[in-house]
Amino acid sequence: MPSILSILTRCPLILSWPAFDSSGKPTFLSDDLYFSTIRILVKPLSVRIVTKPRVLRADQQYEIICETFGSRPRPVFEWWQDGRKIKPTKNTG
């Protein structure tokens, strides 16, 4: 019997399935079927910078827009330069 984790896909956000014992049979207690729930965390399918200025000059502010698709939950963007986090950044949805 394949592991339940081997048959999960990216499509559902939350899955429920009957619980099985080590022999692969459904687990019952008082005629109730137990269910387990798993929350799937997936990395983005794609990440792209939408706007990118040709030249960046010191002491200037720029708006750089980055989009992602396919992640759960929604990602939080952080921008880094020379090993330091750039502040402030704004995450919108």
PDB file of N, CA and C in Angstrom:
ATOM      1  N   MET A   1       0.856  -1.183   0.000  1.00  0.00           N
ATOM      2  CA  MET A   1       0.000   0.000   0.000  1.00  0.00           C
ATOM      3  C   MET A   1       0.893   1.235   0.000  1.00  0.00           C
ATOM      4  N   PRO A   2       0.663   2.186  -0.918  1.00  0.00           N
ATOM      5  CA  PRO A   2       1.504   3.382  -0.948  1.00  0.00           C
ATOM      6  C   PRO A   2       1.231   4.293   0.240  1.00  0.00           C
ATOM      7  N   SER A   3       2.234   5.012   0.647  1.00  0.00           N
ATOM      8  CA  SER A   3       2.090   5.998   1.712  1.00  0.00           C
ATOM      9  C   SER A   3       1.161   7.102   1.243  1.00  0.00           C
ATOM     10  N   ILE A   4       0.332   7.616   2.155  1.00  0.00           N
ATOM     11  CA  ILE A   4      -0.588   8.705   1.787  1.00  0.00           C
ATOM     12  C   ILE A   4       0.197   9.916   1.300  1.00  0.00           C
ATOM     13  N   LEU A   5       1.396  10.144   1.848  1.00  0.00           N
ATOM     14  CA  LEU A   5       2.185  11.291   1.425  1.00  0.00           C
ATOM     15  C   LEU A   5       2.702  11.139   0.005  1.00  0.00           C
ATOM     16  N   SER A   6       2.806   9.903  -0.474  1.00  0.00           N
ATOM     17  CA  SER A   6       3.298   9.704  -1.835  1.00  0.00           C
ATOM     18  C   SER A   6       2.244   9.995  -2.885  1.00  0.00           C
ATOM     19  N   ILE A   7       0.969  10.096  -2.485  1.00  0.00           N
ATOM     20  CA  ILE A   7      -0.076  10.347  -3.476  1.00  0.00           C
ATOM     21  C   ILE A   7      -0.684  11.743  -3.372  1.00  0.00           C
ATOM     22  N   LEU A   8      -0.176  12.573  -2.479  1.00  0.00           N
ATOM     23  CA  LEU A   8      -0.678  13.941  -2.367  1.00  0.00           C
ATOM     24  C   LEU A   8      -0.212  14.765  -3.552  1.00  0.00           C
ATOM     25  N   THR A   9      -1.027  15.726  -3.944  1.00  0.00           N
ATOM     26  CA  THR A   9      -0.665  16.628  -5.032  1.00  0.00           C
ATOM     27  C   THR A   9      -0.759  18.057  -4.548  1.00  0.00           C
ATOM     28  N   ARG A  10      -0.417  19.002  -5.422  1.00  0.00           N
ATOM     29  CA  ARG A  10      -0.477  20.416  -5.078  1.00  0.00           C
ATOM     30  C   ARG A  10      -1.898  20.951  -5.088  1.00  0.00           C
ATOM     31  N   CYS A  11      -2.853  20.281  -5.690  1.00  0.00           N
ATOM     32  CA  CYS A  11      -4.193  20.824  -5.930  1.00  0.00           C
ATOM     33  C   CYS A  11      -4.961  21.184  -4.659  1.00  0.00           C
ATOM     34  N   PRO A  12      -5.225  20.244  -3.740  1.00  0.00           N
ATOM     35  CA  PRO A  12      -6.029  20.602  -2.568  1.00  0.00           C
ATOM     36  C   PRO A  12      -5.232  21.436  -1.565  1.00  0.00           C
ATOM     37  N   LEU A  13      -5.941  22.289  -0.848  1.00  0.00           N
ATOM     38  CA  LEU A  13      -5.290  23.067   0.207  1.00  0.00           C
ATOM     39  C   LEU A  13      -5.275  22.286   1.509  1.00  0.00           C
ATOM     40  N   ILE A  14      -6.373  21.615   1.801  1.00  0.00           N
ATOM     41  CA  ILE A  14      -6.460  20.788   3.007  1.00  0.00           C
ATOM     42  C   ILE A  14      -7.069  19.450   2.597  1.00  0.00           C
ATOM     43  N   LEU A  15      -6.477  18.366   3.019  1.00  0.00           N
ATOM     44  CA  LEU A  15      -6.958  17.029   2.680  1.00  0.00           C
ATOM     45  C   LEU A  15      -7.406  16.308   3.937  1.00  0.00           C
ATOM     46  N   SER A  16      -8.424  15.471   3.808  1.00  0.00           N
ATOM     47  CA  SER A  16      -8.824  14.571   4.882  1.00  0.00           C
ATOM     48  C   SER A  16      -8.894  13.170   4.309  1.00  0.00           C
ATOM     49  N   TRP A  17      -8.507  12.184   5.085  1.00  0.00           N
ATOM     50  CA  TRP A  17      -8.579  10.798   4.639  1.00  0.00           C
ATOM     51  C   TRP A  17      -8.776   9.909   5.856  1.00  0.00           C
ATOM     52  N   PRO A  18      -9.334   8.704   5.660  1.00  0.00           N
ATOM     53  CA  PRO A  18      -9.503   7.798   6.803  1.00  0.00           C
ATOM     54  C   PRO A  18      -8.152   7.388   7.370  1.00  0.00           C
ATOM     55  N   ALA A  19      -8.091   7.189   8.666  1.00  0.00           N
ATOM     56  CA  ALA A  19      -6.853   6.721   9.298  1.00  0.00           C
ATOM     57  C   ALA A  19      -6.745   5.209   9.121  1.00  0.00           C
ATOM     58  N   PHE A  20      -5.538   4.705   8.848  1.00  0.00           N
ATOM     59  CA  PHE A  20      -5.305   3.284   8.642  1.00  0.00           C
ATOM     60  C   PHE A  20      -4.336   2.761   9.685  1.00  0.00           C
ATOM     61  N   ASP A  21      -4.524   1.489  10.072  1.00  0.00           N
ATOM     62  CA  ASP A  21      -3.552   0.883  10.981  1.00  0.00           C
ATOM     63  C   ASP A  21      -2.376   0.341  10.170  1.00  0.00           C
ATOM     64  N   SER A  22      -1.436  -0.319  10.835  1.00  0.00           N
ATOM     65  CA  SER A  22      -0.214  -0.760  10.155  1.00  0.00           C
ATOM     66  C   SER A  22      -0.471  -1.802   9.063  1.00  0.00           C
ATOM     67  N   SER A  23      -1.615  -2.495   9.114  1.00  0.00           N
ATOM     68  CA  SER A  23      -1.926  -3.492   8.080  1.00  0.00           C
ATOM     69  C   SER A  23      -2.621  -2.865   6.872  1.00  0.00           C
ATOM     70  N   GLY A  24      -2.939  -1.579   6.956  1.00  0.00           N
ATOM     71  CA  GLY A  24      -3.600  -0.910   5.842  1.00  0.00           C
ATOM     72  C   GLY A  24      -5.111  -0.886   5.958  1.00  0.00           C
ATOM     73  N   LYS A  25      -5.655  -1.444   7.062  1.00  0.00           N
ATOM     74  CA  LYS A  25      -7.109  -1.443   7.255  1.00  0.00           C
ATOM     75  C   LYS A  25      -7.537  -0.145   7.939  1.00  0.00           C
ATOM     76  N   PRO A  26      -8.738   0.367   7.608  1.00  0.00           N
ATOM     77  CA  PRO A  26      -9.225   1.580   8.287  1.00  0.00           C
ATOM     78  C   PRO A  26      -9.342   1.349   9.789  1.00  0.00           C
ATOM     79  N   THR A  27      -9.054   2.365  10.583  1.00  0.00           N
ATOM     80  CA  THR A  27      -9.123   2.287  12.036  1.00  0.00           C
ATOM     81  C   THR A  27     -10.510   2.728  12.495  1.00  0.00           C
ATOM     82  N   PHE A  28     -11.177   1.892  13.294  1.00  0.00           N
ATOM     83  CA  PHE A  28     -12.516   2.213  13.786  1.00  0.00           C
ATOM     84  C   PHE A  28     -12.519   2.211  15.310  1.00  0.00           C
ATOM     85  N   LEU A  29     -13.386   3.035  15.888  1.00  0.00           N
ATOM     86  CA  LEU A  29     -13.605   3.021  17.328  1.00  0.00           C
ATOM     87  C   LEU A  29     -15.058   3.414  17.546  1.00  0.00           C
ATOM     88  N   SER A  30     -15.831   2.568  18.192  1.00  0.00           N
ATOM     89  CA  SER A  30     -17.253   2.809  18.418  1.00  0.00           C
ATOM     90  C   SER A  30     -17.977   3.125  17.113  1.00  0.00           C
ATOM     91  N   ASP A  31     -17.641   2.388  16.071  1.00  0.00           N
ATOM     92  CA  ASP A  31     -18.268   2.553  14.754  1.00  0.00           C
ATOM     93  C   ASP A  31     -18.035   3.927  14.135  1.00  0.00           C
ATOM     94  N   ASP A  32     -17.135   4.711  14.686  1.00  0.00           N
ATOM     95  CA  ASP A  32     -16.803   6.013  14.092  1.00  0.00           C
ATOM     96  C   ASP A  32     -15.512   5.870  13.301  1.00  0.00           C
ATOM     97  N   LEU A  33     -15.475   6.461  12.149  1.00  0.00           N
ATOM     98  CA  LEU A  33     -14.262   6.441  11.335  1.00  0.00           C
ATOM     99  C   LEU A  33     -13.466   7.693  11.674  1.00  0.00           C
ATOM    100  N   TYR A  34     -12.217   7.499  12.073  1.00  0.00           N
ATOM    101  CA  TYR A  34     -11.366   8.636  12.385  1.00  0.00           C
ATOM    102  C   TYR A  34     -10.819   9.248  11.109  1.00  0.00           C
ATOM    103  N   PHE A  35     -10.686  10.537  11.093  1.00  0.00           N
ATOM    104  CA  PHE A  35     -10.096  11.228   9.960  1.00  0.00           C
ATOM    105  C   PHE A  35      -8.891  12.023  10.419  1.00  0.00           C
ATOM    106  N   SER A  36      -7.904  12.077   9.590  1.00  0.00           N
ATOM    107  CA  SER A  36      -6.726  12.897   9.839  1.00  0.00           C
ATOM    108  C   SER A  36      -6.728  14.030   8.834  1.00  0.00           C
ATOM    109  N   THR A  37      -6.207  15.154   9.221  1.00  0.00           N
ATOM    110  CA  THR A  37      -6.129  16.310   8.326  1.00  0.00           C
ATOM    111  C   THR A  37      -4.683  16.757   8.245  1.00  0.00           C
ATOM    112  N   ILE A  38      -4.272  17.119   7.054  1.00  0.00           N
ATOM    113  CA  ILE A  38      -2.917  17.629   6.854  1.00  0.00           C
ATOM    114  C   ILE A  38      -3.010  18.965   6.128  1.00  0.00           C
ATOM    115  N   ARG A  39      -2.228  19.899   6.557  1.00  0.00           N
ATOM    116  CA  ARG A  39      -2.151  21.198   5.889  1.00  0.00           C
ATOM    117  C   ARG A  39      -0.925  21.158   4.989  1.00  0.00           C
ATOM    118  N   ILE A  40      -1.143  21.440   3.729  1.00  0.00           N
ATOM    119  CA  ILE A  40      -0.052  21.345   2.767  1.00  0.00           C
ATOM    120  C   ILE A  40       0.598  22.710   2.593  1.00  0.00           C
ATOM    121  N   LEU A  41       1.899  22.770   2.801  1.00  0.00           N
ATOM    122  CA  LEU A  41       2.674  23.982   2.569  1.00  0.00           C
ATOM    123  C   LEU A  41       3.501  23.750   1.316  1.00  0.00           C
ATOM    124  N   VAL A  42       3.299  24.587   0.314  1.00  0.00           N
ATOM    125  CA  VAL A  42       4.028  24.395  -0.941  1.00  0.00           C
ATOM    126  C   VAL A  42       4.717  25.683  -1.358  1.00  0.00           C
ATOM    127  N   LYS A  43       5.905  25.529  -1.920  1.00  0.00           N
ATOM    128  CA  LYS A  43       6.645  26.689  -2.403  1.00  0.00           C
ATOM    129  C   LYS A  43       6.030  27.159  -3.720  1.00  0.00           C
ATOM    130  N   PRO A  44       6.302  28.389  -4.118  1.00  0.00           N
ATOM    131  CA  PRO A  44       5.722  28.920  -5.355  1.00  0.00           C
ATOM    132  C   PRO A  44       6.130  28.111  -6.585  1.00  0.00           C
ATOM    133  N   LEU A  45       5.209  28.030  -7.542  1.00  0.00           N
ATOM    134  CA  LEU A  45       5.532  27.428  -8.834  1.00  0.00           C
ATOM    135  C   LEU A  45       6.387  28.377  -9.657  1.00  0.00           C
ATOM    136  N   SER A  46       6.122  29.679  -9.484  1.00  0.00           N
ATOM    137  CA  SER A  46       6.922  30.666 -10.218  1.00  0.00           C
ATOM    138  C   SER A  46       7.069  31.936  -9.394  1.00  0.00           C
ATOM    139  N   VAL A  47       8.184  32.606  -9.590  1.00  0.00           N
ATOM    140  CA  VAL A  47       8.471  33.900  -8.964  1.00  0.00           C
ATOM    141  C   VAL A  47       9.062  34.775 -10.054  1.00  0.00           C
ATOM    142  N   ARG A  48       8.525  35.997 -10.188  1.00  0.00           N
ATOM    143  CA  ARG A  48       9.098  36.870 -11.224  1.00  0.00           C
ATOM    144  C   ARG A  48       9.052  38.321 -10.776  1.00  0.00           C
ATOM    145  N   ILE A  49      10.079  39.060 -11.154  1.00  0.00           N
ATOM    146  CA  ILE A  49      10.128  40.499 -10.902  1.00  0.00           C
ATOM    147  C   ILE A  49       9.449  41.173 -12.083  1.00  0.00           C
ATOM    148  N   VAL A  50       8.348  41.880 -11.803  1.00  0.00           N
ATOM    149  CA  VAL A  50       7.536  42.498 -12.850  1.00  0.00           C
ATOM    150  C   VAL A  50       8.153  43.808 -13.310  1.00  0.00           C
ATOM    151  N   THR A  51       8.535  44.641 -12.359  1.00  0.00           N
ATOM    152  CA  THR A  51       9.151  45.928 -12.696  1.00  0.00           C
ATOM    153  C   THR A  51      10.581  45.920 -12.202  1.00  0.00           C
ATOM    154  N   LYS A  52      11.497  46.268 -13.071  1.00  0.00           N
ATOM    155  CA  LYS A  52      12.899  46.338 -12.649  1.00  0.00           C
ATOM    156  C   LYS A  52      13.556  47.518 -13.359  1.00  0.00           C
ATOM    157  N   PRO A  53      13.903  48.543 -12.580  1.00  0.00           N
ATOM    158  CA  PRO A  53      14.585  49.699 -13.166  1.00  0.00           C
ATOM    159  C   PRO A  53      15.919  49.277 -13.778  1.00  0.00           C
ATOM    160  N   ARG A  54      16.288  49.915 -14.880  1.00  0.00           N
ATOM    161  CA  ARG A  54      17.574  49.607 -15.530  1.00  0.00           C
ATOM    162  C   ARG A  54      18.757  49.983 -14.646  1.00  0.00           C
ATOM    163  N   VAL A  55      18.646  51.147 -14.015  1.00  0.00           N
ATOM    164  CA  VAL A  55      19.745  51.657 -13.190  1.00  0.00           C
ATOM    165  C   VAL A  55      19.194  51.990 -11.810  1.00  0.00           C
ATOM    166  N   LEU A  56      19.916  51.593 -10.779  1.00  0.00           N
ATOM    167  CA  LEU A  56      19.566  51.953  -9.407  1.00  0.00           C
ATOM    168  C   LEU A  56      20.652  52.867  -8.865  1.00  0.00           C
ATOM    169  N   ARG A  57      20.229  54.004  -8.346  1.00  0.00           N
ATOM    170  CA  ARG A  57      21.181  54.972  -7.805  1.00  0.00           C
ATOM    171  C   ARG A  57      21.041  55.028  -6.279  1.00  0.00           C
ATOM    172  N   ALA A  58      22.142  55.283  -5.620  1.00  0.00           N
ATOM    173  CA  ALA A  58      22.148  55.387  -4.157  1.00  0.00           C
ATOM    174  C   ALA A  58      21.231  56.519  -3.712  1.00  0.00           C
ATOM    175  N   ASP A  59      20.647  56.357  -2.532  1.00  0.00           N
ATOM    176  CA  ASP A  59      19.784  57.361  -1.905  1.00  0.00           C
ATOM    177  C   ASP A  59      18.542  57.682  -2.730  1.00  0.00           C
ATOM    178  N   GLN A  60      18.091  56.768  -3.552  1.00  0.00           N
ATOM    179  CA  GLN A  60      16.851  56.931  -4.310  1.00  0.00           C
ATOM    180  C   GLN A  60      15.878  55.829  -3.882  1.00  0.00           C
ATOM    181  N   GLN A  61      14.587  56.134  -3.957  1.00  0.00           N
ATOM    182  CA  GLN A  61      13.576  55.122  -3.667  1.00  0.00           C
ATOM    183  C   GLN A  61      13.069  54.535  -4.977  1.00  0.00           C
ATOM    184  N   TYR A  62      12.829  53.230  -4.974  1.00  0.00           N
ATOM    185  CA  TYR A  62      12.340  52.541  -6.161  1.00  0.00           C
ATOM    186  C   TYR A  62      11.214  51.603  -5.774  1.00  0.00           C
ATOM    187  N   GLU A  63      10.286  51.428  -6.683  1.00  0.00           N
ATOM    188  CA  GLU A  63       9.248  50.425  -6.503  1.00  0.00           C
ATOM    189  C   GLU A  63       9.593  49.248  -7.413  1.00  0.00           C
ATOM    190  N   ILE A  64       9.825  48.111  -6.798  1.00  0.00           N
ATOM    191  CA  ILE A  64      10.128  46.893  -7.543  1.00  0.00           C
ATOM    192  C   ILE A  64       9.045  45.886  -7.178  1.00  0.00           C
ATOM    193  N   ILE A  65       8.311  45.446  -8.180  1.00  0.00           N
ATOM    194  CA  ILE A  65       7.181  44.552  -7.950  1.00  0.00           C
ATOM    195  C   ILE A  65       7.579  43.122  -8.311  1.00  0.00           C
ATOM    196  N   CYS A  66       7.315  42.222  -7.369  1.00  0.00           N
ATOM    197  CA  CYS A  66       7.612  40.805  -7.558  1.00  0.00           C
ATOM    198  C   CYS A  66       6.309  40.028  -7.376  1.00  0.00           C
ATOM    199  N   GLU A  67       6.045  39.078  -8.269  1.00  0.00           N
ATOM    200  CA  GLU A  67       4.834  38.264  -8.193  1.00  0.00           C
ATOM    201  C   GLU A  67       5.199  36.794  -8.025  1.00  0.00           C
ATOM    202  N   THR A  68       4.336  36.082  -7.302  1.00  0.00           N
ATOM    203  CA  THR A  68       4.489  34.635  -7.191  1.00  0.00           C
ATOM    204  C   THR A  68       3.172  33.974  -7.561  1.00  0.00           C
ATOM    205  N   PHE A  69       3.262  32.700  -7.892  1.00  0.00           N
ATOM    206  CA  PHE A  69       2.073  31.934  -8.232  1.00  0.00           C
ATOM    207  C   PHE A  69       2.213  30.520  -7.673  1.00  0.00           C
ATOM    208  N   GLY A  70       1.139  30.027  -7.051  1.00  0.00           N
ATOM    209  CA  GLY A  70       1.073  28.619  -6.689  1.00  0.00           C
ATOM    210  C   GLY A  70       1.524  28.230  -5.300  1.00  0.00           C
ATOM    211  N   SER A  71       1.822  29.175  -4.434  1.00  0.00           N
ATOM    212  CA  SER A  71       2.285  28.790  -3.094  1.00  0.00           C
ATOM    213  C   SER A  71       1.129  28.790  -2.104  1.00  0.00           C
ATOM    214  N   ARG A  72       1.275  28.005  -1.053  1.00  0.00           N
ATOM    215  CA  ARG A  72       0.326  27.990   0.047  1.00  0.00           C
ATOM    216  C   ARG A  72       1.133  27.842   1.326  1.00  0.00           C
ATOM    217  N   PRO A  73       0.942  28.694   2.319  1.00  0.00           N
ATOM    218  CA  PRO A  73       0.151  29.916   2.266  1.00  0.00           C
ATOM    219  C   PRO A  73       0.856  30.989   1.441  1.00  0.00           C
ATOM    220  N   ARG A  74       0.234  32.156   1.345  1.00  0.00           N
ATOM    221  CA  ARG A  74       0.819  33.250   0.575  1.00  0.00           C
ATOM    222  C   ARG A  74       2.189  33.609   1.149  1.00  0.00           C
ATOM    223  N   PRO A  75       3.180  33.778   0.297  1.00  0.00           N
ATOM    224  CA  PRO A  75       4.532  34.059   0.796  1.00  0.00           C
ATOM    225  C   PRO A  75       4.696  35.500   1.267  1.00  0.00           C
ATOM    226  N   VAL A  76       5.683  35.699   2.110  1.00  0.00           N
ATOM    227  CA  VAL A  76       6.082  37.041   2.537  1.00  0.00           C
ATOM    228  C   VAL A  76       7.411  37.336   1.854  1.00  0.00           C
ATOM    229  N   PHE A  77       7.470  38.450   1.144  1.00  0.00           N
ATOM    230  CA  PHE A  77       8.687  38.821   0.430  1.00  0.00           C
ATOM    231  C   PHE A  77       9.638  39.568   1.344  1.00  0.00           C
ATOM    232  N   GLU A  78      10.913  39.291   1.188  1.00  0.00           N
ATOM    233  CA  GLU A  78      11.971  40.049   1.852  1.00  0.00           C
ATOM    234  C   GLU A  78      13.015  40.382   0.803  1.00  0.00           C
ATOM    235  N   TRP A  79      13.519  41.586   0.854  1.00  0.00           N
ATOM    236  CA  TRP A  79      14.550  42.024  -0.086  1.00  0.00           C
ATOM    237  C   TRP A  79      15.842  42.208   0.693  1.00  0.00           C
ATOM    238  N   TRP A  80      16.934  41.707   0.139  1.00  0.00           N
ATOM    239  CA  TRP A  80      18.232  41.732   0.799  1.00  0.00           C
ATOM    240  C   TRP A  80      19.280  42.329  -0.120  1.00  0.00           C
ATOM    241  N   GLN A  81      20.222  43.035   0.486  1.00  0.00           N
ATOM    242  CA  GLN A  81      21.358  43.579  -0.263  1.00  0.00           C
ATOM    243  C   GLN A  81      22.602  43.447   0.604  1.00  0.00           C
ATOM    244  N   ASP A  82      23.638  42.849   0.051  1.00  0.00           N
ATOM    245  CA  ASP A  82      24.906  42.663   0.765  1.00  0.00           C
ATOM    246  C   ASP A  82      24.708  42.008   2.133  1.00  0.00           C
ATOM    247  N   GLY A  83      23.815  41.020   2.198  1.00  0.00           N
ATOM    248  CA  GLY A  83      23.595  40.284   3.436  1.00  0.00           C
ATOM    249  C   GLY A  83      22.741  40.998   4.462  1.00  0.00           C
ATOM    250  N   ARG A  84      22.173  42.148   4.111  1.00  0.00           N
ATOM    251  CA  ARG A  84      21.321  42.904   5.045  1.00  0.00           C
ATOM    252  C   ARG A  84      19.923  43.046   4.458  1.00  0.00           C
ATOM    253  N   LYS A  85      18.928  42.908   5.332  1.00  0.00           N
ATOM    254  CA  LYS A  85      17.540  43.052   4.918  1.00  0.00           C
ATOM    255  C   LYS A  85      17.243  44.523   4.635  1.00  0.00           C
ATOM    256  N   ILE A  86      16.614  44.778   3.498  1.00  0.00           N
ATOM    257  CA  ILE A  86      16.264  46.151   3.115  1.00  0.00           C
ATOM    258  C   ILE A  86      14.905  46.483   3.723  1.00  0.00           C
ATOM    259  N   LYS A  87      14.813  47.636   4.350  1.00  0.00           N
ATOM    260  CA  LYS A  87      13.553  48.105   4.934  1.00  0.00           C
ATOM    261  C   LYS A  87      13.255  49.483   4.386  1.00  0.00           C
ATOM    262  N   PRO A  88      12.050  49.904   4.285  1.00  0.00           N
ATOM    263  CA  PRO A  88      10.842  49.112   4.480  1.00  0.00           C
ATOM    264  C   PRO A  88      10.447  48.401   3.192  1.00  0.00           C
ATOM    265  N   THR A  89       9.747  47.291   3.342  1.00  0.00           N
ATOM    266  CA  THR A  89       9.150  46.608   2.198  1.00  0.00           C
ATOM    267  C   THR A  89       7.663  46.485   2.471  1.00  0.00           C
ATOM    268  N   LYS A  90       6.893  46.357   1.426  1.00  0.00           N
ATOM    269  CA  LYS A  90       5.440  46.297   1.567  1.00  0.00           C
ATOM    270  C   LYS A  90       4.942  45.056   0.836  1.00  0.00           C
ATOM    271  N   ASN A  91       4.242  44.199   1.552  1.00  0.00           N
ATOM    272  CA  ASN A  91       3.642  43.009   0.949  1.00  0.00           C
ATOM    273  C   ASN A  91       2.162  43.267   0.737  1.00  0.00           C
ATOM    274  N   THR A  92       1.693  43.092  -0.491  1.00  0.00           N
ATOM    275  CA  THR A  92       0.274  43.272  -0.796  1.00  0.00           C
ATOM    276  C   THR A  92      -0.263  41.991  -1.406  1.00  0.00           C
ATOM    277  N   GLY A  93      -1.556  41.859  -1.439  1.00  0.00           N
ATOM    278  CA  GLY A  93      -2.121  40.621  -1.974  1.00  0.00           C
ATOM    279  C   GLY A  93      -3.172  40.837  -2.903  1.00  0.00           C
TER     280      GLY A  93
END
